[in-house]
């Protein structure tokens, strides 16, 4: 396995997958490269670190070509009993949606389902909608937040039939509605005949060395892992679904669809991935769009898994970078977009 050349920021070279380094499976070994060797502006790193520390960050990792350039930890673990470190586990929140998107693609790749299938083909009667309206909803609508379900429900996380009512025809409304997303887990479980944690373990974790776990929290299913697991997942996405010589996702069509605009209502959204560089954006909790990018200070080709309280897995193909941040809430936004953008302002100040 080859590492990328030091200081190589040429976009064409960076997109060549044979220059990526992949850490071995089931090992703490992970090759590193120094910021100095990449000609990064190391005098700007303290400003970045101080910003992250002051905003509740617990883990911050930057990979270049798969190698660790930065790996920093702050504060206490989730139980507030020990210093946060490489072995500490943290929740991904909605950044874990990207794992579900990837696993849906694996399920389609293995012909267990097709994302054009009706959701009801796997869940039966799953909403309080009239049957003809429910049958308009496909797995693709769940992946793209366009189910048309009433997002004004008293509990937007509730997956009970009585909580899921009609507001608009599927495909005509974009809203960041957690409940229909959460039910993708049940779709995959039904289609595969496997527990969702077991499916994740066999189809993703065993192939990449990840070792996280989905844990139920009320209606939600939250992925927990150590920070390096998030970095491994980001590297898998940077490599377009490959891990070293293994094509974890060989369905290149699905991968491309997952990481580009998936519908016209919110150009900044793929299949549960946030996309930068688009001309408009609908944020979680809002029904209307803004004429702005997801993260104006970041490269336009950034794609992001973004979760509550500032959980981020960022993949930037043009720079051959993966950036992950885990931690406490930096401010009140559901996905902490202003924090994310300021973080990228400071990251860009470090890069050559």
Protein backbone atom coordinates (compact mmCIF):
# COMPACT_ATOMS: atom_id res chain seq x y z
CA UNK A 1 0.00 0.00 0.00
CA UNK A 2 1.41 3.35 -0.99
CA UNK A 3 1.08 6.67 0.76
CA UNK A 4 0.53 9.87 -1.16
CA UNK A 5 3.58 11.92 -2.03
CA UNK A 6 4.47 14.55 0.51
CA UNK A 7 2.94 17.90 -0.24
CA UNK A 8 1.00 16.63 -3.26
CA UNK A 9 -2.11 18.78 -3.53
CA UNK A 10 -2.69 18.32 -7.25
CA UNK A 11 -6.42 17.52 -7.56
CA UNK A 12 -5.89 15.03 -10.39
CA UNK A 13 -3.23 13.13 -8.45
CA UNK A 14 -5.26 13.37 -5.25
CA UNK A 15 -8.19 11.67 -6.91
CA UNK A 16 -6.02 8.72 -7.97
CA UNK A 17 -7.01 5.98 -5.58
CA UNK A 18 -3.78 3.98 -5.75
CA UNK A 19 -1.90 6.63 -3.76
CA UNK A 20 -3.91 6.13 -0.57
CA UNK A 21 -2.57 4.52 2.57
CA UNK A 22 -4.93 2.24 4.54
CA UNK A 23 -4.19 1.30 8.15
CA UNK A 24 -4.19 -2.44 8.82
CA UNK A 25 -7.26 -4.17 10.17
CA UNK A 26 -7.44 -5.06 13.88
CA UNK A 27 -4.38 -3.03 14.76
CA UNK A 28 -3.55 0.28 16.41
CA UNK A 29 -0.88 0.86 13.80
CA UNK A 30 -1.53 3.90 11.61
CA UNK A 31 1.17 5.63 9.59
CA UNK A 32 1.64 9.35 10.17
CA UNK A 33 3.10 12.29 8.35
CA UNK A 34 4.06 15.64 9.89
CA UNK A 35 2.45 18.95 8.98
CA UNK A 36 5.94 20.35 8.34
CA UNK A 37 6.66 17.72 5.69
CA UNK A 38 3.50 18.82 3.88
CA UNK A 39 4.53 22.49 4.00
CA UNK A 40 1.55 23.32 6.17
CA UNK A 41 1.62 26.65 8.00
CA UNK A 42 2.36 25.16 11.40
CA UNK A 43 2.31 28.59 13.08
CA UNK A 44 -1.45 28.63 12.42
CA UNK A 45 -2.10 25.29 14.15
CA UNK A 46 -2.32 26.79 17.65
CA UNK A 47 -5.15 29.07 16.53
CA UNK A 48 -7.02 26.02 15.18
CA UNK A 49 -6.37 23.97 18.32
CA UNK A 50 -7.40 26.80 20.64
CA UNK A 51 -10.63 27.26 18.70
CA UNK A 52 -11.44 23.56 18.87
CA UNK A 53 -10.62 23.31 22.57
CA UNK A 54 -12.67 26.39 23.45
CA UNK A 55 -15.68 24.92 21.64
CA UNK A 56 -15.97 21.60 23.45
CA UNK A 57 -14.06 19.41 21.00
CA UNK A 58 -13.10 15.97 22.26
CA UNK A 59 -11.41 14.51 19.17
CA UNK A 60 -9.96 16.05 16.02
CA UNK A 61 -8.22 14.00 13.35
CA UNK A 62 -6.91 15.00 9.93
CA UNK A 63 -5.81 12.41 7.38
CA UNK A 64 -3.82 13.26 4.27
CA UNK A 65 -3.78 10.46 1.73
CA UNK A 66 -4.93 8.18 4.54
CA UNK A 67 -2.01 9.02 6.84
CA UNK A 68 -2.52 10.82 10.16
CA UNK A 69 -1.33 14.42 10.09
CA UNK A 70 -3.19 15.65 13.17
CA UNK A 71 -4.67 13.66 16.04
CA UNK A 72 -5.69 15.66 19.11
CA UNK A 73 -7.88 14.93 22.14
CA UNK A 74 -9.31 17.21 24.83
CA UNK A 75 -11.52 17.05 27.89
CA UNK A 76 -13.22 14.13 29.61
CA UNK A 77 -14.91 11.00 28.32
CA UNK A 78 -18.69 10.69 28.14
CA UNK A 79 -18.88 9.55 31.79
CA UNK A 80 -16.69 12.47 32.85
CA UNK A 81 -14.42 10.04 34.70
CA UNK A 82 -11.24 10.06 32.62
CA UNK A 83 -9.41 12.10 30.03
CA UNK A 84 -10.70 11.64 26.49
CA UNK A 85 -8.22 9.63 24.44
CA UNK A 86 -7.82 7.40 21.42
CA UNK A 87 -9.82 4.59 23.04
CA UNK A 88 -12.72 6.76 24.23
CA UNK A 89 -16.09 6.17 22.58
CA UNK A 90 -18.39 8.96 21.43
CA UNK A 91 -21.67 9.21 19.57
CA UNK A 92 -21.92 10.11 15.90
CA UNK A 93 -25.47 11.50 16.19
CA UNK A 94 -26.75 12.26 12.67
CA UNK A 95 -23.29 11.87 11.17
CA UNK A 96 -24.17 8.18 11.47
CA UNK A 97 -26.79 8.68 8.76
CA UNK A 98 -23.92 8.38 6.30
CA UNK A 99 -23.23 4.83 7.51
CA UNK A 100 -26.88 3.93 6.90
CA UNK A 101 -26.66 5.43 3.41
CA UNK A 102 -23.58 3.32 2.70
CA UNK A 103 -25.19 0.15 4.07
CA UNK A 104 -28.31 0.76 1.97
CA UNK A 105 -26.02 0.77 -1.05
CA UNK A 106 -24.45 -2.49 0.09
CA UNK A 107 -27.90 -4.03 0.47
CA UNK A 108 -28.78 -2.97 -3.07
CA UNK A 109 -25.42 -4.21 -4.34
CA UNK A 110 -26.23 -7.62 -2.90
CA UNK A 111 -29.70 -7.50 -4.50
CA UNK A 112 -31.43 -7.60 -1.14
CA UNK A 113 -33.40 -4.49 -2.09
CA UNK A 114 -33.66 -1.77 -4.70
CA UNK A 115 -33.90 1.84 -3.58
CA UNK A 116 -36.74 2.32 -6.06
CA UNK A 117 -38.78 -0.21 -4.07
CA UNK A 118 -41.73 0.97 -2.00
CA UNK A 119 -40.89 1.16 1.69
CA UNK A 120 -44.14 -0.67 2.41
CA UNK A 121 -42.78 -3.70 0.54
CA UNK A 122 -40.48 -4.23 3.55
CA UNK A 123 -42.37 -2.64 6.45
CA UNK A 124 -45.96 -3.39 5.54
CA UNK A 125 -48.41 -0.73 6.71
CA UNK A 126 -46.00 1.69 8.39
CA UNK A 127 -47.79 5.09 8.35
CA UNK A 128 -51.25 6.46 9.04
CA UNK A 129 -51.43 7.74 5.45
CA UNK A 130 -53.99 6.48 2.98
CA UNK A 131 -52.50 3.44 1.26
CA UNK A 132 -52.21 5.13 -2.11
CA UNK A 133 -50.13 7.93 -0.57
CA UNK A 134 -47.98 5.60 1.52
CA UNK A 135 -47.20 3.54 -1.56
CA UNK A 136 -45.66 6.60 -3.23
CA UNK A 137 -42.81 6.49 -0.71
CA UNK A 138 -39.71 4.56 -1.78
CA UNK A 139 -36.41 3.81 -0.08
CA UNK A 140 -34.89 6.58 -2.20
CA UNK A 141 -37.30 9.07 -0.62
CA UNK A 142 -36.10 7.96 2.82
CA UNK A 143 -32.49 8.48 1.73
CA UNK A 144 -33.20 11.96 0.38
CA UNK A 145 -35.54 13.34 3.09
CA UNK A 146 -38.39 13.65 0.61
CA UNK A 147 -41.00 11.23 2.02
CA UNK A 148 -43.69 13.91 2.30
CA UNK A 149 -44.52 12.89 5.86
CA UNK A 150 -45.83 15.55 8.21
CA UNK A 151 -42.74 17.00 9.88
CA UNK A 152 -44.89 19.01 12.29
CA UNK A 153 -45.56 15.87 14.34
CA UNK A 154 -45.28 16.41 18.09
CA UNK A 155 -42.25 14.10 18.14
CA UNK A 156 -40.24 14.18 14.88
CA UNK A 157 -38.28 11.11 16.04
CA UNK A 158 -41.37 8.96 16.64
CA UNK A 159 -41.54 5.98 14.28
CA UNK A 160 -44.91 4.69 15.47
CA UNK A 161 -47.56 4.41 12.79
CA UNK A 162 -49.69 7.11 14.44
CA UNK A 163 -46.82 9.62 14.31
CA UNK A 164 -46.36 9.29 10.55
CA UNK A 165 -49.05 11.19 8.68
CA UNK A 166 -49.45 12.72 5.24
CA UNK A 167 -48.38 16.27 4.42
CA UNK A 168 -47.34 16.14 0.75
CA UNK A 169 -46.80 13.59 -1.98
CA UNK A 170 -43.43 11.86 -1.79
CA UNK A 171 -40.78 13.69 -3.77
CA UNK A 172 -42.47 17.10 -3.59
CA UNK A 173 -41.21 18.26 -0.17
CA UNK A 174 -37.74 18.31 1.45
CA UNK A 175 -37.53 18.32 5.22
CA UNK A 176 -34.94 16.91 7.61
CA UNK A 177 -37.26 14.37 9.22
CA UNK A 178 -35.54 11.79 11.40
CA UNK A 179 -38.33 9.24 11.76
CA UNK A 180 -38.44 7.95 8.15
CA UNK A 181 -34.64 7.92 8.09
CA UNK A 182 -34.53 5.77 11.24
CA UNK A 183 -36.84 3.24 9.61
CA UNK A 184 -34.19 2.53 6.98
CA UNK A 185 -32.58 0.34 9.64
CA UNK A 186 -35.76 -1.74 9.75
CA UNK A 187 -35.87 -1.90 5.94
CA UNK A 188 -32.31 -3.26 5.81
CA UNK A 189 -33.02 -5.68 8.66
CA UNK A 190 -36.12 -7.01 6.87
CA UNK A 191 -34.38 -7.21 3.50
CA UNK A 192 -31.29 -8.96 4.83
CA UNK A 193 -32.82 -11.06 7.61
CA UNK A 194 -29.97 -9.85 9.83
CA UNK A 195 -29.79 -7.72 12.95
CA UNK A 196 -28.69 -4.23 11.94
CA UNK A 197 -25.56 -4.33 14.13
CA UNK A 198 -24.61 -7.69 12.63
CA UNK A 199 -25.18 -6.38 9.09
CA UNK A 200 -22.99 -3.36 9.91
CA UNK A 201 -20.29 -5.58 11.37
CA UNK A 202 -20.16 -8.00 8.46
CA UNK A 203 -20.58 -5.58 5.57
CA UNK A 204 -18.63 -2.54 6.83
CA UNK A 205 -16.69 -2.96 10.07
CA UNK A 206 -15.01 -6.27 9.26
CA UNK A 207 -13.85 -4.84 5.92
CA UNK A 208 -12.37 -1.64 7.34
CA UNK A 209 -11.29 -2.39 10.90
CA UNK A 210 -14.11 -0.31 12.41
CA UNK A 211 -15.59 -1.57 15.69
CA UNK A 212 -18.51 0.66 16.61
CA UNK A 213 -22.04 -0.23 17.67
CA UNK A 214 -25.58 0.99 17.09
CA UNK A 215 -27.29 1.71 20.43
CA UNK A 216 -31.02 2.41 20.76
CA UNK A 217 -31.91 5.75 22.35
CA UNK A 218 -35.67 6.16 22.45
CA UNK A 219 -36.82 5.97 18.84
CA UNK A 220 -33.32 6.70 17.58
CA UNK A 221 -30.54 4.28 16.73
CA UNK A 222 -27.21 5.99 17.45
CA UNK A 223 -23.80 4.82 16.28
CA UNK A 224 -21.00 4.95 18.87
CA UNK A 225 -17.32 4.40 18.19
CA UNK A 226 -13.81 5.57 18.92
CA UNK A 227 -12.69 8.58 16.84
CA UNK A 228 -10.38 6.52 14.64
CA UNK A 229 -13.40 4.51 13.47
CA UNK A 230 -14.91 7.71 12.11
CA UNK A 231 -11.58 8.45 10.42
CA UNK A 232 -11.56 4.95 8.88
CA UNK A 233 -15.04 5.51 7.50
CA UNK A 234 -14.02 8.86 6.04
CA UNK A 235 -11.05 7.19 4.36
CA UNK A 236 -13.34 4.54 2.88
CA UNK A 237 -15.45 7.32 1.36
CA UNK A 238 -12.36 9.18 0.11
CA UNK A 239 -11.41 5.94 -1.64
CA UNK A 240 -14.88 5.75 -3.23
CA UNK A 241 -15.89 2.64 -1.34
CA UNK A 242 -12.60 0.75 -1.55
CA UNK A 243 -10.41 -0.41 1.33
CA UNK A 244 -6.95 -1.24 0.04
CA UNK A 245 -7.58 -3.98 -2.55
CA UNK A 246 -11.14 -4.69 -1.39
CA UNK A 247 -14.13 -3.08 -3.11
CA UNK A 248 -16.43 -2.78 -0.12
CA UNK A 249 -18.90 -0.98 -2.36
CA UNK A 250 -18.46 -2.10 -5.96
CA UNK A 251 -21.70 -0.39 -7.08
CA UNK A 252 -20.05 2.74 -8.43
CA UNK A 253 -23.37 4.10 -9.69
CA UNK A 254 -24.89 4.06 -6.23
CA UNK A 255 -21.75 5.60 -4.69
CA UNK A 256 -21.87 8.46 -7.20
CA UNK A 257 -25.58 9.04 -6.55
CA UNK A 258 -25.00 9.00 -2.79
CA UNK A 259 -22.38 11.75 -2.95
CA UNK A 260 -24.00 14.17 -5.39
CA UNK A 261 -27.26 16.17 -5.44
CA UNK A 262 -30.08 13.65 -5.11
CA UNK A 263 -33.11 15.85 -5.84
CA UNK A 264 -33.85 19.42 -6.93
CA UNK A 265 -35.44 20.67 -3.69
CA UNK A 266 -32.22 20.81 -1.65
CA UNK A 267 -29.16 20.68 -3.95
CA UNK A 268 -26.90 20.45 -0.89
CA UNK A 269 -28.11 16.95 0.00
CA UNK A 270 -27.19 13.57 -1.44
CA UNK A 271 -28.19 10.27 0.10
CA UNK A 272 -27.94 11.37 3.76
CA UNK A 273 -24.69 13.24 2.98
CA UNK A 274 -24.34 17.03 3.03
CA UNK A 275 -22.72 18.52 -0.07
CA UNK A 276 -20.77 21.76 -0.28
CA UNK A 277 -20.47 24.10 -3.24
CA UNK A 278 -24.14 24.17 -4.22
CA UNK A 279 -26.23 27.27 -4.86
CA UNK A 280 -28.86 26.71 -2.17
CA UNK A 281 -29.33 24.93 1.13
CA UNK A 282 -32.17 23.80 3.39
CA UNK A 283 -31.00 23.27 6.97
CA UNK A 284 -32.48 20.90 9.55
CA UNK A 285 -35.54 22.29 11.32
CA UNK A 286 -36.44 24.67 8.50
CA UNK A 287 -38.81 24.23 5.52
CA UNK A 288 -37.23 26.89 3.29
CA UNK A 289 -33.90 27.35 1.53
CA UNK A 290 -31.06 29.86 1.70
CA UNK A 291 -28.89 30.96 -1.21
CA UNK A 292 -25.70 29.79 0.42
CA UNK A 293 -23.31 26.87 0.54
CA UNK A 294 -23.18 24.31 3.31
CA UNK A 295 -19.75 25.62 4.37
CA UNK A 296 -18.55 28.68 2.42
CA UNK A 297 -15.03 28.56 3.88
CA UNK A 298 -14.47 24.92 2.91
CA UNK A 299 -13.54 23.55 -0.53
CA UNK A 300 -16.52 23.21 -2.83
CA UNK A 301 -16.10 19.45 -3.21
CA UNK A 302 -16.38 18.77 0.54
CA UNK A 303 -19.00 16.19 1.49
CA UNK A 304 -19.96 15.84 5.13
CA UNK A 305 -21.66 13.62 7.60
CA UNK A 306 -23.01 16.08 10.17
CA UNK A 307 -24.54 15.38 13.54
CA UNK A 308 -25.99 17.11 16.57
CA UNK A 309 -23.52 18.94 18.79
CA UNK A 310 -20.91 19.16 16.06
CA UNK A 311 -20.11 15.59 15.07
CA UNK A 312 -18.51 15.79 11.63
CA UNK A 313 -16.86 13.46 9.16
CA UNK A 314 -15.62 15.58 6.26
CA UNK A 315 -14.21 14.19 3.02
CA UNK A 316 -12.42 16.50 0.56
CA UNK A 317 -11.24 14.65 -2.57
CA UNK A 318 -9.46 17.64 -4.14
CA UNK A 319 -7.19 17.94 -1.09
CA UNK A 320 -6.96 14.20 -0.39
CA UNK A 321 -8.15 14.97 3.14
CA UNK A 322 -10.43 13.46 5.75
CA UNK A 323 -11.28 15.65 8.76
CA UNK A 324 -13.23 14.42 11.76
CA UNK A 325 -14.47 16.28 14.81
CA UNK A 326 -16.29 14.79 17.80
CA UNK A 327 -17.34 16.61 20.93
CA UNK A 328 -19.75 18.71 22.90
CA UNK A 329 -22.07 21.29 21.34
CA UNK A 330 -20.16 24.39 20.23
CA UNK A 331 -23.45 26.29 19.91
CA UNK A 332 -27.16 25.65 19.55
CA UNK A 333 -27.56 24.68 15.89
CA UNK A 334 -28.68 21.11 15.19
CA UNK A 335 -25.68 20.49 12.97
CA UNK A 336 -23.51 23.40 14.22
CA UNK A 337 -23.03 24.84 10.73
CA UNK A 338 -21.48 28.17 11.87
CA UNK A 339 -18.94 26.29 14.02
CA UNK A 340 -18.15 23.97 11.11
CA UNK A 341 -17.56 26.89 8.78
CA UNK A 342 -15.29 28.71 11.24
CA UNK A 343 -13.39 25.47 11.79
CA UNK A 344 -12.79 25.31 8.05
CA UNK A 345 -11.67 28.91 7.92
CA UNK A 346 -8.95 28.00 10.41
CA UNK A 347 -8.09 24.73 8.64
CA UNK A 348 -7.64 26.57 5.34
CA UNK A 349 -5.29 29.01 7.08
CA UNK A 350 -3.06 26.04 7.93
CA UNK A 351 -2.96 24.45 4.48
CA UNK A 352 -0.30 25.51 1.95
